[in-house]
């Protein structure tokens, strides 16, 4: 099945795992909207799930590439094998790639999730009957619920829903800013290493005055073209703009033509 989905743009910071019957048109919809309003790229599956179908490749990719996975645990969550299979996959990503999983206990007692009591007990009684030939799968679902309950998250019963959503969005926003800052420092360090390898003069007086030899200018711009071509995003543009000596190749790469001083002097002759 090709999974239709709502998303702010093409890549994802957050993946939402939830029981549509319980929260699609309420809490999860409001959370999704708040995340998008903060320009946090969020994946929210929009398909009606067909019984018996497995998680699609696009959903697995969305989970795998997301920095945060939010699991909204609600009353009927365990009655959906789709939700449970997603949860198992999410925890695999967490354990393999150190992704951040954030559980939200939406009008359910966390102990009911951990010990499969209440509505979760009723759901598993049906699952055990339906999957009596696949009890290992049922066991895996139970283990996943116990594991996610042990992760620090939010209990929606504790407060005002809009306040809770605001707190979740702020937590994720802070996490993304922190990661972006670390990535930027790493990229700038790599750029400096490449310029050093090219034997470009780095005397402070020369750098400050912009008096690089023309050959060195060409080398720097070639480094910028290669690196930005590899990672064509806003962070790359921001990092490499700080290294700018002559603007011609950098600007042309992003569609803004500007003549260099040397080009203007040649035309004047």
C-alpha atoms as a PDB file:
ATOM      1  CA  UNK A   1       0.000   0.000   0.000  1.00  0.00           C
ATOM      2  CA  UNK A   2       1.271   3.464  -0.811  1.00  0.00           C
ATOM      3  CA  UNK A   3       0.709   5.432   2.379  1.00  0.00           C
ATOM      4  CA  UNK A   4      -0.941   8.795   2.002  1.00  0.00           C
ATOM      5  CA  UNK A   5       0.135  11.206   4.684  1.00  0.00           C
ATOM      6  CA  UNK A   6      -0.013  14.738   5.939  1.00  0.00           C
ATOM      7  CA  UNK A   7       3.356  16.408   6.303  1.00  0.00           C
ATOM      8  CA  UNK A   8       4.604  19.970   6.635  1.00  0.00           C
ATOM      9  CA  UNK A   9       7.172  19.402   3.877  1.00  0.00           C
ATOM     10  CA  UNK A  10       9.248  16.619   2.403  1.00  0.00           C
ATOM     11  CA  UNK A  11      11.453  15.454   5.283  1.00  0.00           C
ATOM     12  CA  UNK A  12      10.540  14.859   8.901  1.00  0.00           C
ATOM     13  CA  UNK A  13      11.629  15.949  12.330  1.00  0.00           C
ATOM     14  CA  UNK A  14       8.709  14.195  14.040  1.00  0.00           C
ATOM     15  CA  UNK A  15       6.745  11.012  13.389  1.00  0.00           C
ATOM     16  CA  UNK A  16       3.293  10.708  14.998  1.00  0.00           C
ATOM     17  CA  UNK A  17       2.085   7.269  16.113  1.00  0.00           C
ATOM     18  CA  UNK A  18      -1.537   7.308  17.321  1.00  0.00           C
ATOM     19  CA  UNK A  19      -4.917   5.539  17.277  1.00  0.00           C
ATOM     20  CA  UNK A  20      -6.985   7.392  14.723  1.00  0.00           C
ATOM     21  CA  UNK A  21     -10.280   6.314  16.265  1.00  0.00           C
ATOM     22  CA  UNK A  22      -9.349   8.061  19.514  1.00  0.00           C
ATOM     23  CA  UNK A  23      -7.358  11.177  18.640  1.00  0.00           C
ATOM     24  CA  UNK A  24      -7.105  11.806  14.870  1.00  0.00           C
ATOM     25  CA  UNK A  25      -9.640  14.640  14.848  1.00  0.00           C
ATOM     26  CA  UNK A  26      -8.829  15.921  18.329  1.00  0.00           C
ATOM     27  CA  UNK A  27      -5.581  15.890  20.291  1.00  0.00           C
ATOM     28  CA  UNK A  28      -3.308  14.540  17.530  1.00  0.00           C
ATOM     29  CA  UNK A  29      -4.728  16.950  14.936  1.00  0.00           C
ATOM     30  CA  UNK A  30      -4.132  19.889  17.295  1.00  0.00           C
ATOM     31  CA  UNK A  31      -0.606  18.694  18.094  1.00  0.00           C
ATOM     32  CA  UNK A  32       0.183  18.257  14.401  1.00  0.00           C
ATOM     33  CA  UNK A  33      -1.061  21.763  13.623  1.00  0.00           C
ATOM     34  CA  UNK A  34       0.996  23.285  16.451  1.00  0.00           C
ATOM     35  CA  UNK A  35       4.144  21.501  15.261  1.00  0.00           C
ATOM     36  CA  UNK A  36       3.658  22.677  11.685  1.00  0.00           C
ATOM     37  CA  UNK A  37       3.009  26.240  12.850  1.00  0.00           C
ATOM     38  CA  UNK A  38       6.508  26.115  14.351  1.00  0.00           C
ATOM     39  CA  UNK A  39       7.840  24.816  11.008  1.00  0.00           C
ATOM     40  CA  UNK A  40       8.657  21.446  12.542  1.00  0.00           C
ATOM     41  CA  UNK A  41       8.445  18.869   9.748  1.00  0.00           C
ATOM     42  CA  UNK A  42       5.927  16.288  10.953  1.00  0.00           C
ATOM     43  CA  UNK A  43       4.657  13.011   9.503  1.00  0.00           C
ATOM     44  CA  UNK A  44       1.039  12.118  10.222  1.00  0.00           C
ATOM     45  CA  UNK A  45      -0.354   9.068   8.445  1.00  0.00           C
ATOM     46  CA  UNK A  46      -3.648   9.877   6.726  1.00  0.00           C
ATOM     47  CA  UNK A  47      -4.658   6.521   5.312  1.00  0.00           C
ATOM     48  CA  UNK A  48      -7.489   4.402   6.571  1.00  0.00           C
ATOM     49  CA  UNK A  49      -5.709   1.200   7.504  1.00  0.00           C
ATOM     50  CA  UNK A  50      -6.760  -1.957   5.663  1.00  0.00           C
ATOM     51  CA  UNK A  51      -6.978  -4.995   7.916  1.00  0.00           C
ATOM     52  CA  UNK A  52      -4.188  -7.498   7.381  1.00  0.00           C
ATOM     53  CA  UNK A  53      -1.833  -5.103   5.617  1.00  0.00           C
ATOM     54  CA  UNK A  54       1.704  -4.571   6.834  1.00  0.00           C
ATOM     55  CA  UNK A  55       3.477  -1.283   7.464  1.00  0.00           C
ATOM     56  CA  UNK A  56       4.454   0.265   4.147  1.00  0.00           C
ATOM     57  CA  UNK A  57       8.023   1.081   3.166  1.00  0.00           C
ATOM     58  CA  UNK A  58       7.244   4.821   3.186  1.00  0.00           C
ATOM     59  CA  UNK A  59       6.081   4.629   6.794  1.00  0.00           C
ATOM     60  CA  UNK A  60       9.210   2.729   7.840  1.00  0.00           C
ATOM     61  CA  UNK A  61      11.342   5.347   6.090  1.00  0.00           C
ATOM     62  CA  UNK A  62       9.471   8.179   7.799  1.00  0.00           C
ATOM     63  CA  UNK A  63      10.071   6.586  11.201  1.00  0.00           C
ATOM     64  CA  UNK A  64      13.707   5.850  10.415  1.00  0.00           C
ATOM     65  CA  UNK A  65      14.477   9.408   9.277  1.00  0.00           C
ATOM     66  CA  UNK A  66      12.640  11.242  12.070  1.00  0.00           C
ATOM     67  CA  UNK A  67      14.547  12.673  15.016  1.00  0.00           C
ATOM     68  CA  UNK A  68      11.527  12.386  17.344  1.00  0.00           C
ATOM     69  CA  UNK A  69       8.747   9.791  17.447  1.00  0.00           C
ATOM     70  CA  UNK A  70       5.666  10.760  19.458  1.00  0.00           C
ATOM     71  CA  UNK A  71       3.528   7.841  20.648  1.00  0.00           C
ATOM     72  CA  UNK A  72       0.004   8.860  21.684  1.00  0.00           C
ATOM     73  CA  UNK A  73      -1.249   6.036  23.901  1.00  0.00           C
ATOM     74  CA  UNK A  74      -5.039   6.177  24.188  1.00  0.00           C
ATOM     75  CA  UNK A  75      -7.923   3.935  25.298  1.00  0.00           C
ATOM     76  CA  UNK A  76      -8.235   1.925  22.064  1.00  0.00           C
ATOM     77  CA  UNK A  77      -4.559   1.997  21.103  1.00  0.00           C
ATOM     78  CA  UNK A  78      -3.945  -1.715  21.732  1.00  0.00           C
ATOM     79  CA  UNK A  79      -6.948  -2.737  19.636  1.00  0.00           C
ATOM     80  CA  UNK A  80      -5.000  -1.689  16.531  1.00  0.00           C
ATOM     81  CA  UNK A  81      -2.334  -4.112  15.326  1.00  0.00           C
ATOM     82  CA  UNK A  82      -1.175  -1.324  13.015  1.00  0.00           C
ATOM     83  CA  UNK A  83      -0.385   0.944  15.986  1.00  0.00           C
ATOM     84  CA  UNK A  84       1.364  -1.910  17.773  1.00  0.00           C
ATOM     85  CA  UNK A  85       3.464  -2.851  14.739  1.00  0.00           C
ATOM     86  CA  UNK A  86       4.455   0.803  14.313  1.00  0.00           C
ATOM     87  CA  UNK A  87       5.437   0.949  17.970  1.00  0.00           C
ATOM     88  CA  UNK A  88       7.688  -2.105  17.605  1.00  0.00           C
ATOM     89  CA  UNK A  89       9.396  -0.492  14.610  1.00  0.00           C
ATOM     90  CA  UNK A  90       9.754   2.847  16.422  1.00  0.00           C
ATOM     91  CA  UNK A  91      11.505   1.169  19.342  1.00  0.00           C
ATOM     92  CA  UNK A  92      13.839  -0.641  16.945  1.00  0.00           C
ATOM     93  CA  UNK A  93      14.821   2.745  15.495  1.00  0.00           C
ATOM     94  CA  UNK A  94      15.302   4.124  19.008  1.00  0.00           C
ATOM     95  CA  UNK A  95      17.581   1.309  20.059  1.00  0.00           C
ATOM     96  CA  UNK A  96      19.556   1.231  16.806  1.00  0.00           C
ATOM     97  CA  UNK A  97      19.881   4.957  16.097  1.00  0.00           C
ATOM     98  CA  UNK A  98      19.283   6.611  19.477  1.00  0.00           C
ATOM     99  CA  UNK A  99      16.183   8.392  18.259  1.00  0.00           C
ATOM    100  CA  UNK A 100      14.055  10.154  20.868  1.00  0.00           C
ATOM    101  CA  UNK A 101      10.706   8.511  21.646  1.00  0.00           C
ATOM    102  CA  UNK A 102       8.152  10.621  23.518  1.00  0.00           C
ATOM    103  CA  UNK A 103       5.105   8.799  24.929  1.00  0.00           C
ATOM    104  CA  UNK A 104       1.917  10.724  25.696  1.00  0.00           C
ATOM    105  CA  UNK A 105      -0.605   8.957  27.906  1.00  0.00           C
ATOM    106  CA  UNK A 106      -3.860  10.385  26.602  1.00  0.00           C
ATOM    107  CA  UNK A 107      -6.621   9.731  29.141  1.00  0.00           C
ATOM    108  CA  UNK A 108      -5.108   6.366  30.120  1.00  0.00           C
ATOM    109  CA  UNK A 109      -3.286   5.289  33.234  1.00  0.00           C
ATOM    110  CA  UNK A 110       0.401   4.560  32.467  1.00  0.00           C
ATOM    111  CA  UNK A 111       0.197   1.432  34.615  1.00  0.00           C
ATOM    112  CA  UNK A 112      -2.581   0.100  32.344  1.00  0.00           C
ATOM    113  CA  UNK A 113      -0.152   0.419  29.429  1.00  0.00           C
ATOM    114  CA  UNK A 114       2.762  -1.142  31.283  1.00  0.00           C
ATOM    115  CA  UNK A 115       0.825  -4.076  32.740  1.00  0.00           C
ATOM    116  CA  UNK A 116      -1.843  -4.328  30.005  1.00  0.00           C
ATOM    117  CA  UNK A 117      -4.755  -3.685  32.342  1.00  0.00           C
ATOM    118  CA  UNK A 118      -8.155  -2.064  31.761  1.00  0.00           C
ATOM    119  CA  UNK A 119      -8.893  -1.421  28.079  1.00  0.00           C
ATOM    120  CA  UNK A 120      -5.453  -2.825  27.196  1.00  0.00           C
ATOM    121  CA  UNK A 121      -6.303  -6.140  28.900  1.00  0.00           C
ATOM    122  CA  UNK A 122      -9.537  -6.375  26.913  1.00  0.00           C
ATOM    123  CA  UNK A 123      -7.724  -5.612  23.671  1.00  0.00           C
ATOM    124  CA  UNK A 124      -5.081  -8.266  24.291  1.00  0.00           C
ATOM    125  CA  UNK A 125      -7.661 -10.896  25.191  1.00  0.00           C
ATOM    126  CA  UNK A 126      -9.015 -10.473  21.646  1.00  0.00           C
ATOM    127  CA  UNK A 127      -5.556 -10.341  20.117  1.00  0.00           C
ATOM    128  CA  UNK A 128      -4.489 -13.541  21.822  1.00  0.00           C
ATOM    129  CA  UNK A 129      -7.570 -15.267  20.441  1.00  0.00           C
ATOM    130  CA  UNK A 130      -7.071 -13.895  16.955  1.00  0.00           C
ATOM    131  CA  UNK A 131      -3.311 -14.522  16.830  1.00  0.00           C
ATOM    132  CA  UNK A 132      -3.125 -17.770  18.797  1.00  0.00           C
ATOM    133  CA  UNK A 133      -0.887 -19.158  16.037  1.00  0.00           C
ATOM    134  CA  UNK A 134       1.385 -16.097  16.314  1.00  0.00           C
ATOM    135  CA  UNK A 135       1.865 -15.709  20.039  1.00  0.00           C
ATOM    136  CA  UNK A 136       5.437 -14.487  19.580  1.00  0.00           C
ATOM    137  CA  UNK A 137       4.028 -11.469  17.785  1.00  0.00           C
ATOM    138  CA  UNK A 138       1.595 -10.819  20.652  1.00  0.00           C
ATOM    139  CA  UNK A 139       4.462 -11.150  23.124  1.00  0.00           C
ATOM    140  CA  UNK A 140       6.475  -8.604  21.118  1.00  0.00           C
ATOM    141  CA  UNK A 141       3.575  -6.105  21.292  1.00  0.00           C
ATOM    142  CA  UNK A 142       3.317  -6.504  25.062  1.00  0.00           C
ATOM    143  CA  UNK A 143       7.056  -6.007  25.473  1.00  0.00           C
ATOM    144  CA  UNK A 144       6.896  -2.867  23.338  1.00  0.00           C
ATOM    145  CA  UNK A 145       4.145  -1.370  25.516  1.00  0.00           C
ATOM    146  CA  UNK A 146       6.122  -2.142  28.671  1.00  0.00           C
ATOM    147  CA  UNK A 147       9.239  -0.554  27.154  1.00  0.00           C
ATOM    148  CA  UNK A 148       7.517   2.625  26.003  1.00  0.00           C
ATOM    149  CA  UNK A 149       5.897   3.033  29.416  1.00  0.00           C
ATOM    150  CA  UNK A 150       9.378   3.177  30.966  1.00  0.00           C
ATOM    151  CA  UNK A 151      10.309   6.187  28.812  1.00  0.00           C
ATOM    152  CA  UNK A 152       9.778   9.638  30.265  1.00  0.00           C
ATOM    153  CA  UNK A 153       6.812  11.402  28.652  1.00  0.00           C
ATOM    154  CA  UNK A 154       3.598  13.274  29.454  1.00  0.00           C
ATOM    155  CA  UNK A 155       0.398  12.248  31.215  1.00  0.00           C
ATOM    156  CA  UNK A 156      -2.415  14.181  29.514  1.00  0.00           C
ATOM    157  CA  UNK A 157      -4.620  13.725  32.556  1.00  0.00           C
ATOM    158  CA  UNK A 158      -2.405  16.089  34.541  1.00  0.00           C
ATOM    159  CA  UNK A 159      -3.320  19.381  32.949  1.00  0.00           C
ATOM    160  CA  UNK A 160      -4.855  21.637  30.326  1.00  0.00           C
ATOM    161  CA  UNK A 161      -4.576  20.181  26.802  1.00  0.00           C
ATOM    162  CA  UNK A 162      -3.464  23.376  24.976  1.00  0.00           C
ATOM    163  CA  UNK A 163      -0.803  23.917  27.640  1.00  0.00           C
ATOM    164  CA  UNK A 164       0.390  20.338  27.219  1.00  0.00           C
ATOM    165  CA  UNK A 165       0.641  20.729  23.437  1.00  0.00           C
ATOM    166  CA  UNK A 166       2.601  23.966  23.845  1.00  0.00           C
ATOM    167  CA  UNK A 167       5.025  22.227  26.231  1.00  0.00           C
ATOM    168  CA  UNK A 168       5.559  19.294  23.833  1.00  0.00           C
ATOM    169  CA  UNK A 169       6.192  21.593  20.876  1.00  0.00           C
ATOM    170  CA  UNK A 170       8.672  23.692  22.881  1.00  0.00           C
ATOM    171  CA  UNK A 171      10.541  20.576  24.003  1.00  0.00           C
ATOM    172  CA  UNK A 172      10.926  19.386  20.413  1.00  0.00           C
ATOM    173  CA  UNK A 173      11.834  22.848  19.140  1.00  0.00           C
ATOM    174  CA  UNK A 174      14.605  23.150  21.741  1.00  0.00           C
ATOM    175  CA  UNK A 175      15.900  19.698  20.786  1.00  0.00           C
ATOM    176  CA  UNK A 176      16.031  20.572  17.096  1.00  0.00           C
ATOM    177  CA  UNK A 177      17.827  23.862  17.771  1.00  0.00           C
ATOM    178  CA  UNK A 178      20.415  22.065  19.867  1.00  0.00           C
ATOM    179  CA  UNK A 179      21.006  19.451  17.147  1.00  0.00           C
ATOM    180  CA  UNK A 180      21.179  22.115  14.422  1.00  0.00           C
ATOM    181  CA  UNK A 181      23.818  24.015  16.393  1.00  0.00           C
ATOM    182  CA  UNK A 182      25.966  20.884  16.808  1.00  0.00           C
ATOM    183  CA  UNK A 183      25.599  19.993  13.109  1.00  0.00           C
ATOM    184  CA  UNK A 184      26.586  23.532  12.106  1.00  0.00           C
ATOM    185  CA  UNK A 185      29.731  23.431  14.224  1.00  0.00           C
ATOM    186  CA  UNK A 186      30.686  20.077  12.719  1.00  0.00           C
ATOM    187  CA  UNK A 187      30.169  21.303   9.138  1.00  0.00           C
ATOM    188  CA  UNK A 188      32.174  24.465   9.714  1.00  0.00           C
ATOM    189  CA  UNK A 189      35.014  22.415  11.194  1.00  0.00           C
ATOM    190  CA  UNK A 190      35.033  20.145   8.146  1.00  0.00           C
ATOM    191  CA  UNK A 191      35.111  23.131   5.812  1.00  0.00           C
ATOM    192  CA  UNK A 192      38.090  24.632   7.614  1.00  0.00           C
ATOM    193  CA  UNK A 193      39.937  21.304   7.400  1.00  0.00           C
ATOM    194  CA  UNK A 194      39.395  21.166   3.629  1.00  0.00           C
ATOM    195  CA  UNK A 195      40.624  24.726   3.153  1.00  0.00           C
ATOM    196  CA  UNK A 196      43.706  23.884   5.243  1.00  0.00           C
ATOM    197  CA  UNK A 197      44.447  20.862   3.043  1.00  0.00           C
ATOM    198  CA  UNK A 198      44.382  23.127  -0.032  1.00  0.00           C
ATOM    199  CA  UNK A 199      47.269  25.214   1.446  1.00  0.00           C
ATOM    200  CA  UNK A 200      45.315  28.469   1.329  1.00  0.00           C
ATOM    201  CA  UNK A 201      47.032  31.346   3.219  1.00  0.00           C
ATOM    202  CA  UNK A 202      45.388  32.062   6.575  1.00  0.00           C
ATOM    203  CA  UNK A 203      47.270  35.123   7.848  1.00  0.00           C
ATOM    204  CA  UNK A 204      44.745  37.160   9.898  1.00  0.00           C
ATOM    205  CA  UNK A 205      45.714  40.406   8.178  1.00  0.00           C
ATOM    206  CA  UNK A 206      45.191  38.858   4.742  1.00  0.00           C
ATOM    207  CA  UNK A 207      41.892  37.282   5.744  1.00  0.00           C
ATOM    208  CA  UNK A 208      40.534  40.473   7.278  1.00  0.00           C
ATOM    209  CA  UNK A 209      41.356  42.539   4.192  1.00  0.00           C
ATOM    210  CA  UNK A 210      40.123  39.850   1.795  1.00  0.00           C
ATOM    211  CA  UNK A 211      43.474  39.935  -0.017  1.00  0.00           C
ATOM    212  CA  UNK A 212      43.527  36.285  -1.048  1.00  0.00           C
ATOM    213  CA  UNK A 213      45.341  35.443  -4.297  1.00  0.00           C
ATOM    214  CA  UNK A 214      42.925  34.736  -7.159  1.00  0.00           C
ATOM    215  CA  UNK A 215      43.947  31.031  -7.225  1.00  0.00           C
ATOM    216  CA  UNK A 216      43.119  30.721  -3.513  1.00  0.00           C
ATOM    217  CA  UNK A 217      39.737  32.356  -4.079  1.00  0.00           C
ATOM    218  CA  UNK A 218      38.996  29.811  -6.780  1.00  0.00           C
ATOM    219  CA  UNK A 219      39.967  26.949  -4.453  1.00  0.00           C
ATOM    220  CA  UNK A 220      37.732  28.202  -1.642  1.00  0.00           C
ATOM    221  CA  UNK A 221      34.753  28.580  -3.923  1.00  0.00           C
ATOM    222  CA  UNK A 222      35.321  25.108  -5.360  1.00  0.00           C
ATOM    223  CA  UNK A 223      35.238  23.660  -1.823  1.00  0.00           C
ATOM    224  CA  UNK A 224      31.972  25.506  -1.159  1.00  0.00           C
ATOM    225  CA  UNK A 225      30.397  24.303  -4.404  1.00  0.00           C
ATOM    226  CA  UNK A 226      31.264  20.662  -3.648  1.00  0.00           C
ATOM    227  CA  UNK A 227      30.083  20.746  -0.045  1.00  0.00           C
ATOM    228  CA  UNK A 228      26.842  22.609  -0.714  1.00  0.00           C
ATOM    229  CA  UNK A 229      26.141  20.256  -3.601  1.00  0.00           C
ATOM    230  CA  UNK A 230      26.415  17.340  -1.165  1.00  0.00           C
ATOM    231  CA  UNK A 231      24.104  18.846   1.416  1.00  0.00           C
ATOM    232  CA  UNK A 232      21.839  21.366  -0.321  1.00  0.00           C
ATOM    233  CA  UNK A 233      19.978  22.832   2.624  1.00  0.00           C
ATOM    234  CA  UNK A 234      19.642  25.995   4.664  1.00  0.00           C
ATOM    235  CA  UNK A 235      22.247  24.939   7.208  1.00  0.00           C
ATOM    236  CA  UNK A 236      24.869  24.398   4.491  1.00  0.00           C
ATOM    237  CA  UNK A 237      24.116  27.822   3.022  1.00  0.00           C
ATOM    238  CA  UNK A 238      24.437  29.429   6.444  1.00  0.00           C
ATOM    239  CA  UNK A 239      27.728  27.744   7.293  1.00  0.00           C
ATOM    240  CA  UNK A 240      29.463  28.341   3.979  1.00  0.00           C
ATOM    241  CA  UNK A 241      28.302  31.944   3.674  1.00  0.00           C
ATOM    242  CA  UNK A 242      30.586  32.682   6.633  1.00  0.00           C
ATOM    243  CA  UNK A 243      33.551  31.484   4.559  1.00  0.00           C
ATOM    244  CA  UNK A 244      32.688  33.668   1.569  1.00  0.00           C
ATOM    245  CA  UNK A 245      35.574  35.487  -0.084  1.00  0.00           C
ATOM    246  CA  UNK A 246      34.336  36.056  -3.629  1.00  0.00           C
ATOM    247  CA  UNK A 247      30.627  35.569  -4.253  1.00  0.00           C
ATOM    248  CA  UNK A 248      30.432  34.421  -7.869  1.00  0.00           C
ATOM    249  CA  UNK A 249      30.323  30.573  -7.671  1.00  0.00           C
ATOM    250  CA  UNK A 250      28.324  30.546  -4.386  1.00  0.00           C
ATOM    251  CA  UNK A 251      25.618  32.865  -5.751  1.00  0.00           C
ATOM    252  CA  UNK A 252      25.415  31.173  -9.132  1.00  0.00           C
ATOM    253  CA  UNK A 253      24.831  27.835  -7.424  1.00  0.00           C
ATOM    254  CA  UNK A 254      21.600  29.162  -5.934  1.00  0.00           C
ATOM    255  CA  UNK A 255      20.394  31.107  -8.957  1.00  0.00           C
ATOM    256  CA  UNK A 256      21.562  34.644  -8.140  1.00  0.00           C
ATOM    257  CA  UNK A 257      24.076  35.898 -10.739  1.00  0.00           C
ATOM    258  CA  UNK A 258      26.576  38.464  -9.557  1.00  0.00           C
ATOM    259  CA  UNK A 259      29.695  39.477 -11.401  1.00  0.00           C
ATOM    260  CA  UNK A 260      33.048  39.299  -9.598  1.00  0.00           C
ATOM    261  CA  UNK A 261      35.368  42.261  -9.455  1.00  0.00           C
ATOM    262  CA  UNK A 262      37.718  40.536 -11.900  1.00  0.00           C
ATOM    263  CA  UNK A 263      34.873  40.026 -14.413  1.00  0.00           C
ATOM    264  CA  UNK A 264      33.917  43.725 -14.269  1.00  0.00           C
ATOM    265  CA  UNK A 265      37.534  44.827 -14.754  1.00  0.00           C
ATOM    266  CA  UNK A 266      37.925  42.616 -17.827  1.00  0.00           C
ATOM    267  CA  UNK A 267      34.761  44.038 -19.380  1.00  0.00           C
ATOM    268  CA  UNK A 268      36.056  47.532 -18.854  1.00  0.00           C
ATOM    269  CA  UNK A 269      39.182  46.900 -20.943  1.00  0.00           C
END
